[in-house]
Amino acid sequence: MLVLTALKRRPRNALALSGRTGLTLVEVEEIIADARRDGYLDGAMKPTQRAYVALEYLRSSDPPTPPLPKTNGEFYCPKSLRPPRRAFG
């Protein structure tokens, strides 16, 4: 989807996309070939309506929430405390 977003602006060649996205030239060419095969790009390397629908869906979806760590239900309470390192320096 990063490459599809970068294809909205000109120039639309693999070298320019590689520079915009930070991907290697080989990776960009593979992504372009896959996007053309799947119908996300037309012959002029412009995103199709299907690509715009997919991008809009991804933008509107909620970001994933990180999983919470599993706990045993007890609160953590340290047994001893250390003074700061600067106190002895």
PDB file of N, CA and C in Angstrom:
ATOM      1  N   MET A   1       0.818  -1.188   0.000  1.00  0.00           N
ATOM      2  CA  MET A   1       0.000   0.000   0.000  1.00  0.00           C
ATOM      3  C   MET A   1       0.867   1.259   0.000  1.00  0.00           C
ATOM      4  N   LEU A   2       2.079   1.148   0.519  1.00  0.00           N
ATOM      5  CA  LEU A   2       2.999   2.278   0.495  1.00  0.00           C
ATOM      6  C   LEU A   2       3.306   2.687  -0.937  1.00  0.00           C
ATOM      7  N   VAL A   3       3.517   1.707  -1.796  1.00  0.00           N
ATOM      8  CA  VAL A   3       3.823   1.999  -3.199  1.00  0.00           C
ATOM      9  C   VAL A   3       2.598   2.580  -3.895  1.00  0.00           C
ATOM     10  N   LEU A   4       1.412   2.062  -3.602  1.00  0.00           N
ATOM     11  CA  LEU A   4       0.197   2.612  -4.214  1.00  0.00           C
ATOM     12  C   LEU A   4      -0.005   4.074  -3.820  1.00  0.00           C
ATOM     13  N   THR A   5       0.285   4.398  -2.589  1.00  0.00           N
ATOM     14  CA  THR A   5       0.169   5.783  -2.151  1.00  0.00           C
ATOM     15  C   THR A   5       1.195   6.656  -2.866  1.00  0.00           C
ATOM     16  N   ALA A   6       2.404   6.131  -3.044  1.00  0.00           N
ATOM     17  CA  ALA A   6       3.442   6.894  -3.738  1.00  0.00           C
ATOM     18  C   ALA A   6       3.130   7.057  -5.221  1.00  0.00           C
ATOM     19  N   LEU A   7       2.333   6.159  -5.790  1.00  0.00           N
ATOM     20  CA  LEU A   7       1.998   6.234  -7.209  1.00  0.00           C
ATOM     21  C   LEU A   7       0.968   7.316  -7.523  1.00  0.00           C
ATOM     22  N   LYS A   8       0.400   7.936  -6.515  1.00  0.00           N
ATOM     23  CA  LYS A   8      -0.567   9.003  -6.768  1.00  0.00           C
ATOM     24  C   LYS A   8       0.105  10.208  -7.418  1.00  0.00           C
ATOM     25  N   ARG A   9       1.386  10.423  -7.122  1.00  0.00           N
ATOM     26  CA  ARG A   9       2.115  11.575  -7.654  1.00  0.00           C
ATOM     27  C   ARG A   9       3.079  11.131  -8.741  1.00  0.00           C
ATOM     28  N   ARG A  10       3.469  12.077  -9.572  1.00  0.00           N
ATOM     29  CA  ARG A  10       4.462  11.804 -10.603  1.00  0.00           C
ATOM     30  C   ARG A  10       5.844  12.030 -10.030  1.00  0.00           C
ATOM     31  N   PRO A  11       6.879  11.512 -10.572  1.00  0.00           N
ATOM     32  CA  PRO A  11       6.957  10.540 -11.661  1.00  0.00           C
ATOM     33  C   PRO A  11       6.577   9.155 -11.169  1.00  0.00           C
ATOM     34  N   ARG A  12       6.056   8.369 -12.076  1.00  0.00           N
ATOM     35  CA  ARG A  12       5.563   7.038 -11.726  1.00  0.00           C
ATOM     36  C   ARG A  12       6.454   5.953 -12.311  1.00  0.00           C
ATOM     37  N   ASN A  13       7.732   6.007 -12.050  1.00  0.00           N
ATOM     38  CA  ASN A  13       8.606   4.918 -12.489  1.00  0.00           C
ATOM     39  C   ASN A  13       9.220   4.252 -11.268  1.00  0.00           C
ATOM     40  N   ALA A  14       9.776   3.081 -11.482  1.00  0.00           N
ATOM     41  CA  ALA A  14      10.264   2.273 -10.362  1.00  0.00           C
ATOM     42  C   ALA A  14      11.398   2.965  -9.609  1.00  0.00           C
ATOM     43  N   LEU A  15      12.266   3.653 -10.322  1.00  0.00           N
ATOM     44  CA  LEU A  15      13.388   4.318  -9.670  1.00  0.00           C
ATOM     45  C   LEU A  15      12.909   5.447  -8.748  1.00  0.00           C
ATOM     46  N   ALA A  16      11.948   6.235  -9.216  1.00  0.00           N
ATOM     47  CA  ALA A  16      11.407   7.316  -8.385  1.00  0.00           C
ATOM     48  C   ALA A  16      10.666   6.754  -7.177  1.00  0.00           C
ATOM     49  N   LEU A  17       9.914   5.677  -7.388  1.00  0.00           N
ATOM     50  CA  LEU A  17       9.186   5.059  -6.268  1.00  0.00           C
ATOM     51  C   LEU A  17      10.143   4.482  -5.240  1.00  0.00           C
ATOM     52  N   SER A  18      11.246   3.926  -5.715  1.00  0.00           N
ATOM     53  CA  SER A  18      12.244   3.384  -4.804  1.00  0.00           C
ATOM     54  C   SER A  18      12.810   4.493  -3.921  1.00  0.00           C
ATOM     55  N   GLY A  19      13.078   5.635  -4.514  1.00  0.00           N
ATOM     56  CA  GLY A  19      13.591   6.762  -3.738  1.00  0.00           C
ATOM     57  C   GLY A  19      12.577   7.319  -2.762  1.00  0.00           C
ATOM     58  N   ARG A  20      11.299   7.344  -3.156  1.00  0.00           N
ATOM     59  CA  ARG A  20      10.254   7.883  -2.279  1.00  0.00           C
ATOM     60  C   ARG A  20       9.935   6.970  -1.112  1.00  0.00           C
ATOM     61  N   THR A  21       9.972   5.660  -1.353  1.00  0.00           N
ATOM     62  CA  THR A  21       9.538   4.722  -0.321  1.00  0.00           C
ATOM     63  C   THR A  21      10.675   4.148   0.511  1.00  0.00           C
ATOM     64  N   GLY A  22      11.899   4.193  -0.005  1.00  0.00           N
ATOM     65  CA  GLY A  22      13.017   3.594   0.708  1.00  0.00           C
ATOM     66  C   GLY A  22      13.165   2.109   0.441  1.00  0.00           C
ATOM     67  N   LEU A  23      12.334   1.558  -0.433  1.00  0.00           N
ATOM     68  CA  LEU A  23      12.438   0.149  -0.811  1.00  0.00           C
ATOM     69  C   LEU A  23      13.474   0.005  -1.915  1.00  0.00           C
ATOM     70  N   THR A  24      13.998  -1.204  -2.085  1.00  0.00           N
ATOM     71  CA  THR A  24      14.951  -1.434  -3.165  1.00  0.00           C
ATOM     72  C   THR A  24      14.215  -1.440  -4.496  1.00  0.00           C
ATOM     73  N   LEU A  25      14.967  -1.275  -5.569  1.00  0.00           N
ATOM     74  CA  LEU A  25      14.382  -1.246  -6.904  1.00  0.00           C
ATOM     75  C   LEU A  25      13.716  -2.574  -7.240  1.00  0.00           C
ATOM     76  N   VAL A  26      14.330  -3.677  -6.827  1.00  0.00           N
ATOM     77  CA  VAL A  26      13.766  -5.008  -7.090  1.00  0.00           C
ATOM     78  C   VAL A  26      12.442  -5.174  -6.350  1.00  0.00           C
ATOM     79  N   GLU A  27      12.386  -4.739  -5.091  1.00  0.00           N
ATOM     80  CA  GLU A  27      11.143  -4.841  -4.321  1.00  0.00           C
ATOM     81  C   GLU A  27      10.027  -4.016  -4.960  1.00  0.00           C
ATOM     82  N   VAL A  28      10.357  -2.812  -5.414  1.00  0.00           N
ATOM     83  CA  VAL A  28       9.349  -1.953  -6.038  1.00  0.00           C
ATOM     84  C   VAL A  28       8.833  -2.588  -7.321  1.00  0.00           C
ATOM     85  N   GLU A  29       9.727  -3.142  -8.134  1.00  0.00           N
ATOM     86  CA  GLU A  29       9.299  -3.775  -9.386  1.00  0.00           C
ATOM     87  C   GLU A  29       8.409  -4.981  -9.124  1.00  0.00           C
ATOM     88  N   GLU A  30       8.717  -5.762  -8.082  1.00  0.00           N
ATOM     89  CA  GLU A  30       7.870  -6.908  -7.728  1.00  0.00           C
ATOM     90  C   GLU A  30       6.491  -6.438  -7.261  1.00  0.00           C
ATOM     91  N   ILE A  31       6.455  -5.388  -6.469  1.00  0.00           N
ATOM     92  CA  ILE A  31       5.182  -4.868  -5.967  1.00  0.00           C
ATOM     93  C   ILE A  31       4.348  -4.314  -7.116  1.00  0.00           C
ATOM     94  N   ILE A  32       4.996  -3.627  -8.052  1.00  0.00           N
ATOM     95  CA  ILE A  32       4.277  -3.096  -9.214  1.00  0.00           C
ATOM     96  C   ILE A  32       3.691  -4.230 -10.042  1.00  0.00           C
ATOM     97  N   ALA A  33       4.475  -5.285 -10.258  1.00  0.00           N
ATOM     98  CA  ALA A  33       3.975  -6.430 -11.033  1.00  0.00           C
ATOM     99  C   ALA A  33       2.778  -7.071 -10.333  1.00  0.00           C
ATOM    100  N   ASP A  34       2.861  -7.236  -9.020  1.00  0.00           N
ATOM    101  CA  ASP A  34       1.741  -7.815  -8.266  1.00  0.00           C
ATOM    102  C   ASP A  34       0.513  -6.907  -8.312  1.00  0.00           C
ATOM    103  N   ALA A  35       0.721  -5.598  -8.193  1.00  0.00           N
ATOM    104  CA  ALA A  35      -0.401  -4.655  -8.209  1.00  0.00           C
ATOM    105  C   ALA A  35      -1.081  -4.636  -9.575  1.00  0.00           C
ATOM    106  N   ARG A  36      -0.300  -4.726 -10.640  1.00  0.00           N
ATOM    107  CA  ARG A  36      -0.906  -4.792 -11.979  1.00  0.00           C
ATOM    108  C   ARG A  36      -1.706  -6.075 -12.142  1.00  0.00           C
ATOM    109  N   ARG A  37      -1.141  -7.191 -11.688  1.00  0.00           N
ATOM    110  CA  ARG A  37      -1.815  -8.479 -11.808  1.00  0.00           C
ATOM    111  C   ARG A  37      -3.123  -8.493 -11.016  1.00  0.00           C
ATOM    112  N   ASP A  38      -3.130  -7.849  -9.849  1.00  0.00           N
ATOM    113  CA  ASP A  38      -4.316  -7.844  -8.988  1.00  0.00           C
ATOM    114  C   ASP A  38      -5.312  -6.745  -9.341  1.00  0.00           C
ATOM    115  N   GLY A  39      -4.990  -5.908 -10.326  1.00  0.00           N
ATOM    116  CA  GLY A  39      -5.926  -4.886 -10.772  1.00  0.00           C
ATOM    117  C   GLY A  39      -5.868  -3.578 -10.010  1.00  0.00           C
ATOM    118  N   TYR A  40      -4.780  -3.328  -9.296  1.00  0.00           N
ATOM    119  CA  TYR A  40      -4.641  -2.076  -8.564  1.00  0.00           C
ATOM    120  C   TYR A  40      -4.004  -0.976  -9.407  1.00  0.00           C
ATOM    121  N   LEU A  41      -3.352  -1.334 -10.528  1.00  0.00           N
ATOM    122  CA  LEU A  41      -2.716  -0.366 -11.415  1.00  0.00           C
ATOM    123  C   LEU A  41      -3.196  -0.574 -12.834  1.00  0.00           C
ATOM    124  N   ASP A  42      -3.328   0.531 -13.575  1.00  0.00           N
ATOM    125  CA  ASP A  42      -3.674   0.407 -14.988  1.00  0.00           C
ATOM    126  C   ASP A  42      -2.389   0.417 -15.823  1.00  0.00           C
ATOM    127  N   GLY A  43      -2.521   0.508 -17.136  1.00  0.00           N
ATOM    128  CA  GLY A  43      -1.364   0.460 -18.021  1.00  0.00           C
ATOM    129  C   GLY A  43      -0.414   1.628 -17.860  1.00  0.00           C
ATOM    130  N   ALA A  44      -0.913   2.778 -17.423  1.00  0.00           N
ATOM    131  CA  ALA A  44      -0.075   3.963 -17.235  1.00  0.00           C
ATOM    132  C   ALA A  44       0.465   4.059 -15.809  1.00  0.00           C
ATOM    133  N   MET A  45       0.390   2.969 -15.057  1.00  0.00           N
ATOM    134  CA  MET A  45       0.832   2.893 -13.657  1.00  0.00           C
ATOM    135  C   MET A  45       0.086   3.875 -12.759  1.00  0.00           C
ATOM    136  N   LYS A  46      -1.155   4.162 -13.081  1.00  0.00           N
ATOM    137  CA  LYS A  46      -1.994   4.980 -12.210  1.00  0.00           C
ATOM    138  C   LYS A  46      -2.849   4.050 -11.359  1.00  0.00           C
ATOM    139  N   PRO A  47      -3.048   4.391 -10.092  1.00  0.00           N
ATOM    140  CA  PRO A  47      -3.922   3.559  -9.254  1.00  0.00           C
ATOM    141  C   PRO A  47      -5.349   3.540  -9.802  1.00  0.00           C
ATOM    142  N   THR A  48      -5.957   2.370  -9.806  1.00  0.00           N
ATOM    143  CA  THR A  48      -7.333   2.223 -10.278  1.00  0.00           C
ATOM    144  C   THR A  48      -8.303   2.553  -9.143  1.00  0.00           C
ATOM    145  N   GLN A  49      -9.575   2.543  -9.465  1.00  0.00           N
ATOM    146  CA  GLN A  49     -10.593   2.801  -8.444  1.00  0.00           C
ATOM    147  C   GLN A  49     -10.515   1.754  -7.340  1.00  0.00           C
ATOM    148  N   ARG A  50     -10.200   0.527  -7.711  1.00  0.00           N
ATOM    149  CA  ARG A  50     -10.054  -0.542  -6.719  1.00  0.00           C
ATOM    150  C   ARG A  50      -8.945  -0.211  -5.721  1.00  0.00           C
ATOM    151  N   ALA A  51      -7.855   0.371  -6.198  1.00  0.00           N
ATOM    152  CA  ALA A  51      -6.753   0.753  -5.315  1.00  0.00           C
ATOM    153  C   ALA A  51      -7.180   1.864  -4.364  1.00  0.00           C
ATOM    154  N   TYR A  52      -7.927   2.845  -4.873  1.00  0.00           N
ATOM    155  CA  TYR A  52      -8.384   3.936  -4.010  1.00  0.00           C
ATOM    156  C   TYR A  52      -9.351   3.434  -2.936  1.00  0.00           C
ATOM    157  N   VAL A  53     -10.186   2.476  -3.285  1.00  0.00           N
ATOM    158  CA  VAL A  53     -11.107   1.893  -2.303  1.00  0.00           C
ATOM    159  C   VAL A  53     -10.320   1.161  -1.219  1.00  0.00           C
ATOM    160  N   ALA A  54      -9.298   0.402  -1.628  1.00  0.00           N
ATOM    161  CA  ALA A  54      -8.481  -0.329  -0.656  1.00  0.00           C
ATOM    162  C   ALA A  54      -7.723   0.633   0.256  1.00  0.00           C
ATOM    163  N   LEU A  55      -7.166   1.699  -0.303  1.00  0.00           N
ATOM    164  CA  LEU A  55      -6.451   2.681   0.512  1.00  0.00           C
ATOM    165  C   LEU A  55      -7.384   3.378   1.496  1.00  0.00           C
ATOM    166  N   GLU A  56      -8.572   3.716   1.051  1.00  0.00           N
ATOM    167  CA  GLU A  56      -9.544   4.367   1.934  1.00  0.00           C
ATOM    168  C   GLU A  56      -9.950   3.433   3.077  1.00  0.00           C
ATOM    169  N   TYR A  57     -10.117   2.155   2.768  1.00  0.00           N
ATOM    170  CA  TYR A  57     -10.464   1.185   3.808  1.00  0.00           C
ATOM    171  C   TYR A  57      -9.346   1.092   4.847  1.00  0.00           C
ATOM    172  N   LEU A  58      -8.104   1.038   4.388  1.00  0.00           N
ATOM    173  CA  LEU A  58      -6.987   0.931   5.323  1.00  0.00           C
ATOM    174  C   LEU A  58      -6.841   2.187   6.177  1.00  0.00           C
ATOM    175  N   ARG A  59      -7.122   3.341   5.605  1.00  0.00           N
ATOM    176  CA  ARG A  59      -7.039   4.579   6.386  1.00  0.00           C
ATOM    177  C   ARG A  59      -8.150   4.672   7.422  1.00  0.00           C
ATOM    178  N   SER A  60      -9.319   4.140   7.105  1.00  0.00           N
ATOM    179  CA  SER A  60     -10.454   4.266   8.012  1.00  0.00           C
ATOM    180  C   SER A  60     -10.458   3.209   9.109  1.00  0.00           C
ATOM    181  N   SER A  61      -9.715   2.138   8.938  1.00  0.00           N
ATOM    182  CA  SER A  61      -9.727   1.082   9.954  1.00  0.00           C
ATOM    183  C   SER A  61      -8.952   1.537  11.186  1.00  0.00           C
ATOM    184  N   ASP A  62      -9.324   1.012  12.324  1.00  0.00           N
ATOM    185  CA  ASP A  62      -8.681   1.372  13.581  1.00  0.00           C
ATOM    186  C   ASP A  62      -7.275   0.787  13.631  1.00  0.00           C
ATOM    187  N   PRO A  63      -6.328   1.515  14.221  1.00  0.00           N
ATOM    188  CA  PRO A  63      -4.988   0.955  14.358  1.00  0.00           C
ATOM    189  C   PRO A  63      -5.014  -0.220  15.337  1.00  0.00           C
ATOM    190  N   PRO A  64      -4.163  -1.199  15.128  1.00  0.00           N
ATOM    191  CA  PRO A  64      -4.170  -2.352  16.029  1.00  0.00           C
ATOM    192  C   PRO A  64      -3.720  -1.946  17.430  1.00  0.00           C
ATOM    193  N   THR A  65      -4.373  -2.500  18.423  1.00  0.00           N
ATOM    194  CA  THR A  65      -3.990  -2.217  19.802  1.00  0.00           C
ATOM    195  C   THR A  65      -2.999  -3.278  20.258  1.00  0.00           C
ATOM    196  N   PRO A  66      -1.947  -2.868  20.942  1.00  0.00           N
ATOM    197  CA  PRO A  66      -0.975  -3.858  21.395  1.00  0.00           C
ATOM    198  C   PRO A  66      -1.588  -4.751  22.470  1.00  0.00           C
ATOM    199  N   PRO A  67      -1.222  -6.019  22.484  1.00  0.00           N
ATOM    200  CA  PRO A  67      -1.780  -6.910  23.508  1.00  0.00           C
ATOM    201  C   PRO A  67      -1.248  -6.544  24.889  1.00  0.00           C
ATOM    202  N   LEU A  68      -2.098  -6.684  25.879  1.00  0.00           N
ATOM    203  CA  LEU A  68      -1.692  -6.411  27.253  1.00  0.00           C
ATOM    204  C   LEU A  68      -0.932  -7.606  27.809  1.00  0.00           C
ATOM    205  N   PRO A  69       0.086  -7.350  28.624  1.00  0.00           N
ATOM    206  CA  PRO A  69       0.816  -8.475  29.206  1.00  0.00           C
ATOM    207  C   PRO A  69      -0.062  -9.230  30.196  1.00  0.00           C
ATOM    208  N   LYS A  70       0.138 -10.526  30.258  1.00  0.00           N
ATOM    209  CA  LYS A  70      -0.633 -11.343  31.201  1.00  0.00           C
ATOM    210  C   LYS A  70      -0.032 -11.200  32.596  1.00  0.00           C
ATOM    211  N   THR A  71      -0.900 -11.002  33.558  1.00  0.00           N
ATOM    212  CA  THR A  71      -0.450 -10.877  34.940  1.00  0.00           C
ATOM    213  C   THR A  71      -1.189 -11.904  35.787  1.00  0.00           C
ATOM    214  N   ASN A  72      -0.676 -12.106  36.975  1.00  0.00           N
ATOM    215  CA  ASN A  72      -1.334 -13.054  37.869  1.00  0.00           C
ATOM    216  C   ASN A  72      -2.361 -12.364  38.767  1.00  0.00           C
ATOM    217  N   GLY A  73      -2.596 -11.077  38.560  1.00  0.00           N
ATOM    218  CA  GLY A  73      -3.621 -10.371  39.317  1.00  0.00           C
ATOM    219  C   GLY A  73      -3.095  -9.607  40.518  1.00  0.00           C
ATOM    220  N   GLU A  74      -1.865  -9.867  40.936  1.00  0.00           N
ATOM    221  CA  GLU A  74      -1.303  -9.173  42.088  1.00  0.00           C
ATOM    222  C   GLU A  74      -0.555  -7.929  41.624  1.00  0.00           C
ATOM    223  N   PHE A  75      -0.545  -6.908  42.461  1.00  0.00           N
ATOM    224  CA  PHE A  75       0.209  -5.712  42.156  1.00  0.00           C
ATOM    225  C   PHE A  75       1.673  -5.948  42.488  1.00  0.00           C
ATOM    226  N   TYR A  76       2.552  -5.333  41.712  1.00  0.00           N
ATOM    227  CA  TYR A  76       3.984  -5.465  41.952  1.00  0.00           C
ATOM    228  C   TYR A  76       4.394  -4.493  43.042  1.00  0.00           C
ATOM    229  N   CYS A  77       5.115  -5.011  44.011  1.00  0.00           N
ATOM    230  CA  CYS A  77       5.647  -4.183  45.083  1.00  0.00           C
ATOM    231  C   CYS A  77       7.093  -4.616  45.315  1.00  0.00           C
ATOM    232  N   PRO A  78       8.073  -3.735  45.078  1.00  0.00           N
ATOM    233  CA  PRO A  78       9.467  -4.142  45.246  1.00  0.00           C
ATOM    234  C   PRO A  78       9.784  -4.425  46.707  1.00  0.00           C
ATOM    235  N   LYS A  79      10.719  -5.341  46.926  1.00  0.00           N
ATOM    236  CA  LYS A  79      11.122  -5.720  48.283  1.00  0.00           C
ATOM    237  C   LYS A  79      12.136  -4.744  48.863  1.00  0.00           C
ATOM    238  N   SER A  80      12.970  -4.153  48.000  1.00  0.00           N
ATOM    239  CA  SER A  80      13.949  -3.175  48.474  1.00  0.00           C
ATOM    240  C   SER A  80      14.118  -2.101  47.403  1.00  0.00           C
ATOM    241  N   LEU A  81      14.552  -0.925  47.843  1.00  0.00           N
ATOM    242  CA  LEU A  81      14.753   0.191  46.932  1.00  0.00           C
ATOM    243  C   LEU A  81      16.222   0.578  46.909  1.00  0.00           C
ATOM    244  N   ARG A  82      16.709   0.976  45.744  1.00  0.00           N
ATOM    245  CA  ARG A  82      18.091   1.429  45.616  1.00  0.00           C
ATOM    246  C   ARG A  82      18.105   2.947  45.550  1.00  0.00           C
ATOM    247  N   PRO A  83      19.118   3.569  46.124  1.00  0.00           N
ATOM    248  CA  PRO A  83      19.240   5.021  45.969  1.00  0.00           C
ATOM    249  C   PRO A  83      19.714   5.331  44.543  1.00  0.00           C
ATOM    250  N   PRO A  84      19.496   6.542  44.061  1.00  0.00           N
ATOM    251  CA  PRO A  84      19.982   6.898  42.730  1.00  0.00           C
ATOM    252  C   PRO A  84      21.501   6.822  42.655  1.00  0.00           C
ATOM    253  N   ARG A  85      22.048   6.599  41.470  1.00  0.00           N
ATOM    254  CA  ARG A  85      23.500   6.460  41.300  1.00  0.00           C
ATOM    255  C   ARG A  85      24.219   7.758  41.626  1.00  0.00           C
ATOM    256  N   ARG A  86      23.590   8.889  41.414  1.00  0.00           N
ATOM    257  CA  ARG A  86      24.234  10.176  41.665  1.00  0.00           C
ATOM    258  C   ARG A  86      24.484  10.409  43.156  1.00  0.00           C
ATOM    259  N   ALA A  87      23.785   9.715  44.011  1.00  0.00           N
ATOM    260  CA  ALA A  87      23.942   9.907  45.449  1.00  0.00           C
ATOM    261  C   ALA A  87      25.330   9.484  45.916  1.00  0.00           C
ATOM    262  N   PHE A  88      25.989   8.565  45.183  1.00  0.00           N
ATOM    263  CA  PHE A  88      27.300   8.074  45.599  1.00  0.00           C
ATOM    264  C   PHE A  88      28.420   8.665  44.754  1.00  0.00           C
ATOM    265  N   GLY A  89      28.109   9.485  43.755  1.00  0.00           N
ATOM    266  CA  GLY A  89      29.127   9.958  42.817  1.00  0.00           C
ATOM    267  C   GLY A  89      29.713  11.209  43.222  1.00  0.00           C
TER     268      GLY A  89
END
